[in-house]
Amino acid sequence: MSEVRIAEGESIEGALKRFKKKIQKAGILSEIKRRERYEKPSVKRKRKAEAARKRRS
């Protein structure tokens, strides 16, 4: 759970910007996008293998 405390005198826009950055860093947005639709197990294996290949190089 990510939360951002608003400092006294801080604008809502600034706090929202910090919140979005924190969410992005935690990987929550990418997780939501990944879960939007069903992914077949074979596709999931291919995606994981590709990610592992990218990490090794």
PDB file of N, CA and C in Angstrom:
ATOM      1  N   MET A   1       0.853  -1.163   0.000  1.00  0.00           N
ATOM      2  CA  MET A   1       0.000   0.000   0.000  1.00  0.00           C
ATOM      3  C   MET A   1       0.901   1.228   0.000  1.00  0.00           C
ATOM      4  N   SER A   2       0.727   2.071  -0.969  1.00  0.00           N
ATOM      5  CA  SER A   2       1.515   3.288  -1.065  1.00  0.00           C
ATOM      6  C   SER A   2       0.685   4.458  -0.584  1.00  0.00           C
ATOM      7  N   GLU A   3       1.326   5.304   0.162  1.00  0.00           N
ATOM      8  CA  GLU A   3       0.636   6.503   0.614  1.00  0.00           C
ATOM      9  C   GLU A   3       1.616   7.666   0.614  1.00  0.00           C
ATOM     10  N   VAL A   4       1.058   8.851   0.472  1.00  0.00           N
ATOM     11  CA  VAL A   4       1.862  10.065   0.456  1.00  0.00           C
ATOM     12  C   VAL A   4       1.232  11.038   1.438  1.00  0.00           C
ATOM     13  N   ARG A   5       2.026  11.526   2.335  1.00  0.00           N
ATOM     14  CA  ARG A   5       1.536  12.510   3.296  1.00  0.00           C
ATOM     15  C   ARG A   5       1.748  13.902   2.713  1.00  0.00           C
ATOM     16  N   ILE A   6       0.711  14.700   2.799  1.00  0.00           N
ATOM     17  CA  ILE A   6       0.786  16.053   2.248  1.00  0.00           C
ATOM     18  C   ILE A   6       1.333  16.983   3.317  1.00  0.00           C
ATOM     19  N   ALA A   7       2.401  17.667   2.995  1.00  0.00           N
ATOM     20  CA  ALA A   7       3.007  18.620   3.913  1.00  0.00           C
ATOM     21  C   ALA A   7       2.179  19.898   3.946  1.00  0.00           C
ATOM     22  N   GLU A   8       2.338  20.623   5.010  1.00  0.00           N
ATOM     23  CA  GLU A   8       1.599  21.876   5.138  1.00  0.00           C
ATOM     24  C   GLU A   8       2.033  22.845   4.043  1.00  0.00           C
ATOM     25  N   GLY A   9       1.061  23.360   3.334  1.00  0.00           N
ATOM     26  CA  GLY A   9       1.348  24.318   2.271  1.00  0.00           C
ATOM     27  C   GLY A   9       1.680  23.668   0.934  1.00  0.00           C
ATOM     28  N   GLU A  10       1.700  22.352   0.889  1.00  0.00           N
ATOM     29  CA  GLU A  10       2.008  21.667  -0.368  1.00  0.00           C
ATOM     30  C   GLU A  10       0.753  21.586  -1.228  1.00  0.00           C
ATOM     31  N   SER A  11       0.936  21.763  -2.508  1.00  0.00           N
ATOM     32  CA  SER A  11      -0.208  21.712  -3.416  1.00  0.00           C
ATOM     33  C   SER A  11      -0.623  20.262  -3.653  1.00  0.00           C
ATOM     34  N   ILE A  12      -1.864  20.092  -4.030  1.00  0.00           N
ATOM     35  CA  ILE A  12      -2.387  18.765  -4.344  1.00  0.00           C
ATOM     36  C   ILE A  12      -1.666  18.203  -5.563  1.00  0.00           C
ATOM     37  N   GLU A  13      -1.358  19.067  -6.521  1.00  0.00           N
ATOM     38  CA  GLU A  13      -0.671  18.622  -7.732  1.00  0.00           C
ATOM     39  C   GLU A  13       0.702  18.038  -7.404  1.00  0.00           C
ATOM     40  N   GLY A  14       1.408  18.679  -6.477  1.00  0.00           N
ATOM     41  CA  GLY A  14       2.730  18.180  -6.082  1.00  0.00           C
ATOM     42  C   GLY A  14       2.641  16.830  -5.391  1.00  0.00           C
ATOM     43  N   ALA A  15       1.641  16.698  -4.514  1.00  0.00           N
ATOM     44  CA  ALA A  15       1.457  15.435  -3.812  1.00  0.00           C
ATOM     45  C   ALA A  15       1.045  14.331  -4.788  1.00  0.00           C
ATOM     46  N   LEU A  16       0.198  14.670  -5.751  1.00  0.00           N
ATOM     47  CA  LEU A  16      -0.232  13.700  -6.749  1.00  0.00           C
ATOM     48  C   LEU A  16       0.952  13.244  -7.604  1.00  0.00           C
ATOM     49  N   LYS A  17       1.826  14.169  -7.924  1.00  0.00           N
ATOM     50  CA  LYS A  17       3.014  13.857  -8.709  1.00  0.00           C
ATOM     51  C   LYS A  17       3.918  12.876  -7.947  1.00  0.00           C
ATOM     52  N   ARG A  18       4.106  13.138  -6.636  1.00  0.00           N
ATOM     53  CA  ARG A  18       4.912  12.238  -5.813  1.00  0.00           C
ATOM     54  C   ARG A  18       4.257  10.869  -5.697  1.00  0.00           C
ATOM     55  N   PHE A  19       2.921  10.846  -5.569  1.00  0.00           N
ATOM     56  CA  PHE A  19       2.193   9.586  -5.466  1.00  0.00           C
ATOM     57  C   PHE A  19       2.351   8.766  -6.741  1.00  0.00           C
ATOM     58  N   LYS A  20       2.181   9.402  -7.895  1.00  0.00           N
ATOM     59  CA  LYS A  20       2.329   8.695  -9.169  1.00  0.00           C
ATOM     60  C   LYS A  20       3.730   8.117  -9.321  1.00  0.00           C
ATOM     61  N   LYS A  21       4.743   8.888  -8.916  1.00  0.00           N
ATOM     62  CA  LYS A  21       6.123   8.429  -9.018  1.00  0.00           C
ATOM     63  C   LYS A  21       6.348   7.220  -8.101  1.00  0.00           C
ATOM     64  N   LYS A  22       5.771   7.270  -6.909  1.00  0.00           N
ATOM     65  CA  LYS A  22       5.912   6.173  -5.961  1.00  0.00           C
ATOM     66  C   LYS A  22       5.232   4.901  -6.471  1.00  0.00           C
ATOM     67  N   ILE A  23       4.053   5.060  -7.050  1.00  0.00           N
ATOM     68  CA  ILE A  23       3.315   3.930  -7.622  1.00  0.00           C
ATOM     69  C   ILE A  23       4.094   3.317  -8.780  1.00  0.00           C
ATOM     70  N   GLN A  24       4.655   4.163  -9.617  1.00  0.00           N
ATOM     71  CA  GLN A  24       5.428   3.688 -10.777  1.00  0.00           C
ATOM     72  C   GLN A  24       6.648   2.910 -10.303  1.00  0.00           C
ATOM     73  N   LYS A  25       7.328   3.420  -9.285  1.00  0.00           N
ATOM     74  CA  LYS A  25       8.531   2.777  -8.777  1.00  0.00           C
ATOM     75  C   LYS A  25       8.209   1.425  -8.142  1.00  0.00           C
ATOM     76  N   ALA A  26       7.055   1.320  -7.512  1.00  0.00           N
ATOM     77  CA  ALA A  26       6.647   0.066  -6.875  1.00  0.00           C
ATOM     78  C   ALA A  26       6.191  -0.973  -7.889  1.00  0.00           C
ATOM     79  N   GLY A  27       5.932  -0.551  -9.121  1.00  0.00           N
ATOM     80  CA  GLY A  27       5.521  -1.484 -10.168  1.00  0.00           C
ATOM     81  C   GLY A  27       4.042  -1.819 -10.135  1.00  0.00           C
ATOM     82  N   ILE A  28       3.261  -1.026  -9.462  1.00  0.00           N
ATOM     83  CA  ILE A  28       1.831  -1.308  -9.325  1.00  0.00           C
ATOM     84  C   ILE A  28       1.101  -1.095 -10.645  1.00  0.00           C
ATOM     85  N   LEU A  29       1.438  -0.047 -11.372  1.00  0.00           N
ATOM     86  CA  LEU A  29       0.769   0.224 -12.649  1.00  0.00           C
ATOM     87  C   LEU A  29       1.012  -0.889 -13.663  1.00  0.00           C
ATOM     88  N   SER A  30       2.241  -1.360 -13.743  1.00  0.00           N
ATOM     89  CA  SER A  30       2.531  -2.428 -14.701  1.00  0.00           C
ATOM     90  C   SER A  30       1.813  -3.714 -14.297  1.00  0.00           C
ATOM     91  N   GLU A  31       1.666  -3.942 -12.991  1.00  0.00           N
ATOM     92  CA  GLU A  31       0.942  -5.119 -12.515  1.00  0.00           C
ATOM     93  C   GLU A  31      -0.537  -5.033 -12.887  1.00  0.00           C
ATOM     94  N   ILE A  32      -1.120  -3.872 -12.750  1.00  0.00           N
ATOM     95  CA  ILE A  32      -2.533  -3.675 -13.100  1.00  0.00           C
ATOM     96  C   ILE A  32      -2.739  -3.912 -14.595  1.00  0.00           C
ATOM     97  N   LYS A  33      -1.867  -3.350 -15.414  1.00  0.00           N
ATOM     98  CA  LYS A  33      -1.990  -3.524 -16.857  1.00  0.00           C
ATOM     99  C   LYS A  33      -1.842  -4.994 -17.249  1.00  0.00           C
ATOM    100  N   ARG A  34      -0.962  -5.705 -16.555  1.00  0.00           N
ATOM    101  CA  ARG A  34      -0.744  -7.119 -16.857  1.00  0.00           C
ATOM    102  C   ARG A  34      -1.975  -7.948 -16.499  1.00  0.00           C
ATOM    103  N   ARG A  35      -2.679  -7.571 -15.451  1.00  0.00           N
ATOM    104  CA  ARG A  35      -3.843  -8.335 -14.997  1.00  0.00           C
ATOM    105  C   ARG A  35      -5.151  -7.912 -15.664  1.00  0.00           C
ATOM    106  N   GLU A  36      -5.105  -6.948 -16.559  1.00  0.00           N
ATOM    107  CA  GLU A  36      -6.329  -6.469 -17.209  1.00  0.00           C
ATOM    108  C   GLU A  36      -7.023  -7.563 -18.017  1.00  0.00           C
ATOM    109  N   ARG A  37      -6.260  -8.451 -18.604  1.00  0.00           N
ATOM    110  CA  ARG A  37      -6.860  -9.514 -19.413  1.00  0.00           C
ATOM    111  C   ARG A  37      -6.160 -10.832 -19.107  1.00  0.00           C
ATOM    112  N   TYR A  38      -6.852 -11.917 -19.427  1.00  0.00           N
ATOM    113  CA  TYR A  38      -6.317 -13.251 -19.164  1.00  0.00           C
ATOM    114  C   TYR A  38      -5.119 -13.535 -20.056  1.00  0.00           C
ATOM    115  N   GLU A  39      -4.132 -14.156 -19.469  1.00  0.00           N
ATOM    116  CA  GLU A  39      -2.932 -14.525 -20.206  1.00  0.00           C
ATOM    117  C   GLU A  39      -2.774 -16.050 -20.138  1.00  0.00           C
ATOM    118  N   LYS A  40      -2.715 -16.682 -21.294  1.00  0.00           N
ATOM    119  CA  LYS A  40      -2.573 -18.130 -21.335  1.00  0.00           C
ATOM    120  C   LYS A  40      -1.243 -18.533 -20.689  1.00  0.00           C
ATOM    121  N   PRO A  41      -1.219 -19.715 -20.062  1.00  0.00           N
ATOM    122  CA  PRO A  41       0.018 -20.169 -19.411  1.00  0.00           C
ATOM    123  C   PRO A  41       1.213 -20.230 -20.362  1.00  0.00           C
ATOM    124  N   SER A  42       0.983 -20.614 -21.617  1.00  0.00           N
ATOM    125  CA  SER A  42       2.099 -20.683 -22.565  1.00  0.00           C
ATOM    126  C   SER A  42       2.658 -19.289 -22.854  1.00  0.00           C
ATOM    127  N   VAL A  43       1.777 -18.316 -22.941  1.00  0.00           N
ATOM    128  CA  VAL A  43       2.210 -16.935 -23.186  1.00  0.00           C
ATOM    129  C   VAL A  43       2.964 -16.409 -21.970  1.00  0.00           C
ATOM    130  N   LYS A  44       2.485 -16.771 -20.785  1.00  0.00           N
ATOM    131  CA  LYS A  44       3.128 -16.340 -19.541  1.00  0.00           C
ATOM    132  C   LYS A  44       4.550 -16.898 -19.466  1.00  0.00           C
ATOM    133  N   ARG A  45       4.723 -18.183 -19.839  1.00  0.00           N
ATOM    134  CA  ARG A  45       6.059 -18.795 -19.832  1.00  0.00           C
ATOM    135  C   ARG A  45       6.981 -18.089 -20.811  1.00  0.00           C
ATOM    136  N   LYS A  46       6.470 -17.778 -22.007  1.00  0.00           N
ATOM    137  CA  LYS A  46       7.286 -17.083 -23.010  1.00  0.00           C
ATOM    138  C   LYS A  46       7.721 -15.715 -22.509  1.00  0.00           C
ATOM    139  N   ARG A  47       6.786 -14.996 -21.868  1.00  0.00           N
ATOM    140  CA  ARG A  47       7.093 -13.656 -21.366  1.00  0.00           C
ATOM    141  C   ARG A  47       8.158 -13.726 -20.274  1.00  0.00           C
ATOM    142  N   LYS A  48       8.023 -14.700 -19.372  1.00  0.00           N
ATOM    143  CA  LYS A  48       9.002 -14.849 -18.291  1.00  0.00           C
ATOM    144  C   LYS A  48      10.372 -15.236 -18.839  1.00  0.00           C
ATOM    145  N   ALA A  49      10.397 -16.122 -19.835  1.00  0.00           N
ATOM    146  CA  ALA A  49      11.666 -16.535 -20.439  1.00  0.00           C
ATOM    147  C   ALA A  49      12.338 -15.351 -21.134  1.00  0.00           C
ATOM    148  N   GLU A  50      11.547 -14.545 -21.811  1.00  0.00           N
ATOM    149  CA  GLU A  50      12.090 -13.363 -22.497  1.00  0.00           C
ATOM    150  C   GLU A  50      12.658 -12.369 -21.482  1.00  0.00           C
ATOM    151  N   ALA A  51      11.962 -12.183 -20.367  1.00  0.00           N
ATOM    152  CA  ALA A  51      12.443 -11.263 -19.329  1.00  0.00           C
ATOM    153  C   ALA A  51      13.755 -11.773 -18.729  1.00  0.00           C
ATOM    154  N   ALA A  52      13.847 -13.084 -18.518  1.00  0.00           N
ATOM    155  CA  ALA A  52      15.076 -13.667 -17.982  1.00  0.00           C
ATOM    156  C   ALA A  52      16.226 -13.501 -18.981  1.00  0.00           C
ATOM    157  N   ARG A  53      15.920 -13.678 -20.259  1.00  0.00           N
ATOM    158  CA  ARG A  53      16.939 -13.513 -21.310  1.00  0.00           C
ATOM    159  C   ARG A  53      17.445 -12.075 -21.332  1.00  0.00           C
ATOM    160  N   LYS A  54      16.548 -11.120 -21.162  1.00  0.00           N
ATOM    161  CA  LYS A  54      16.949  -9.705 -21.163  1.00  0.00           C
ATOM    162  C   LYS A  54      17.825  -9.393 -19.956  1.00  0.00           C
ATOM    163  N   ARG A  55      17.498  -9.991 -18.801  1.00  0.00           N
ATOM    164  CA  ARG A  55      18.288  -9.730 -17.591  1.00  0.00           C
ATOM    165  C   ARG A  55      19.704 -10.278 -17.708  1.00  0.00           C
ATOM    166  N   ARG A  56      19.842 -11.430 -18.390  1.00  0.00           N
ATOM    167  CA  ARG A  56      21.159 -12.048 -18.526  1.00  0.00           C
ATOM    168  C   ARG A  56      22.075 -11.269 -19.459  1.00  0.00           C
ATOM    169  N   SER A  57      21.535 -10.616 -20.480  1.00  0.00           N
ATOM    170  CA  SER A  57      22.392  -9.929 -21.448  1.00  0.00           C
ATOM    171  C   SER A  57      22.773  -8.566 -21.003  1.00  0.00           C
TER     172      SER A  57
END
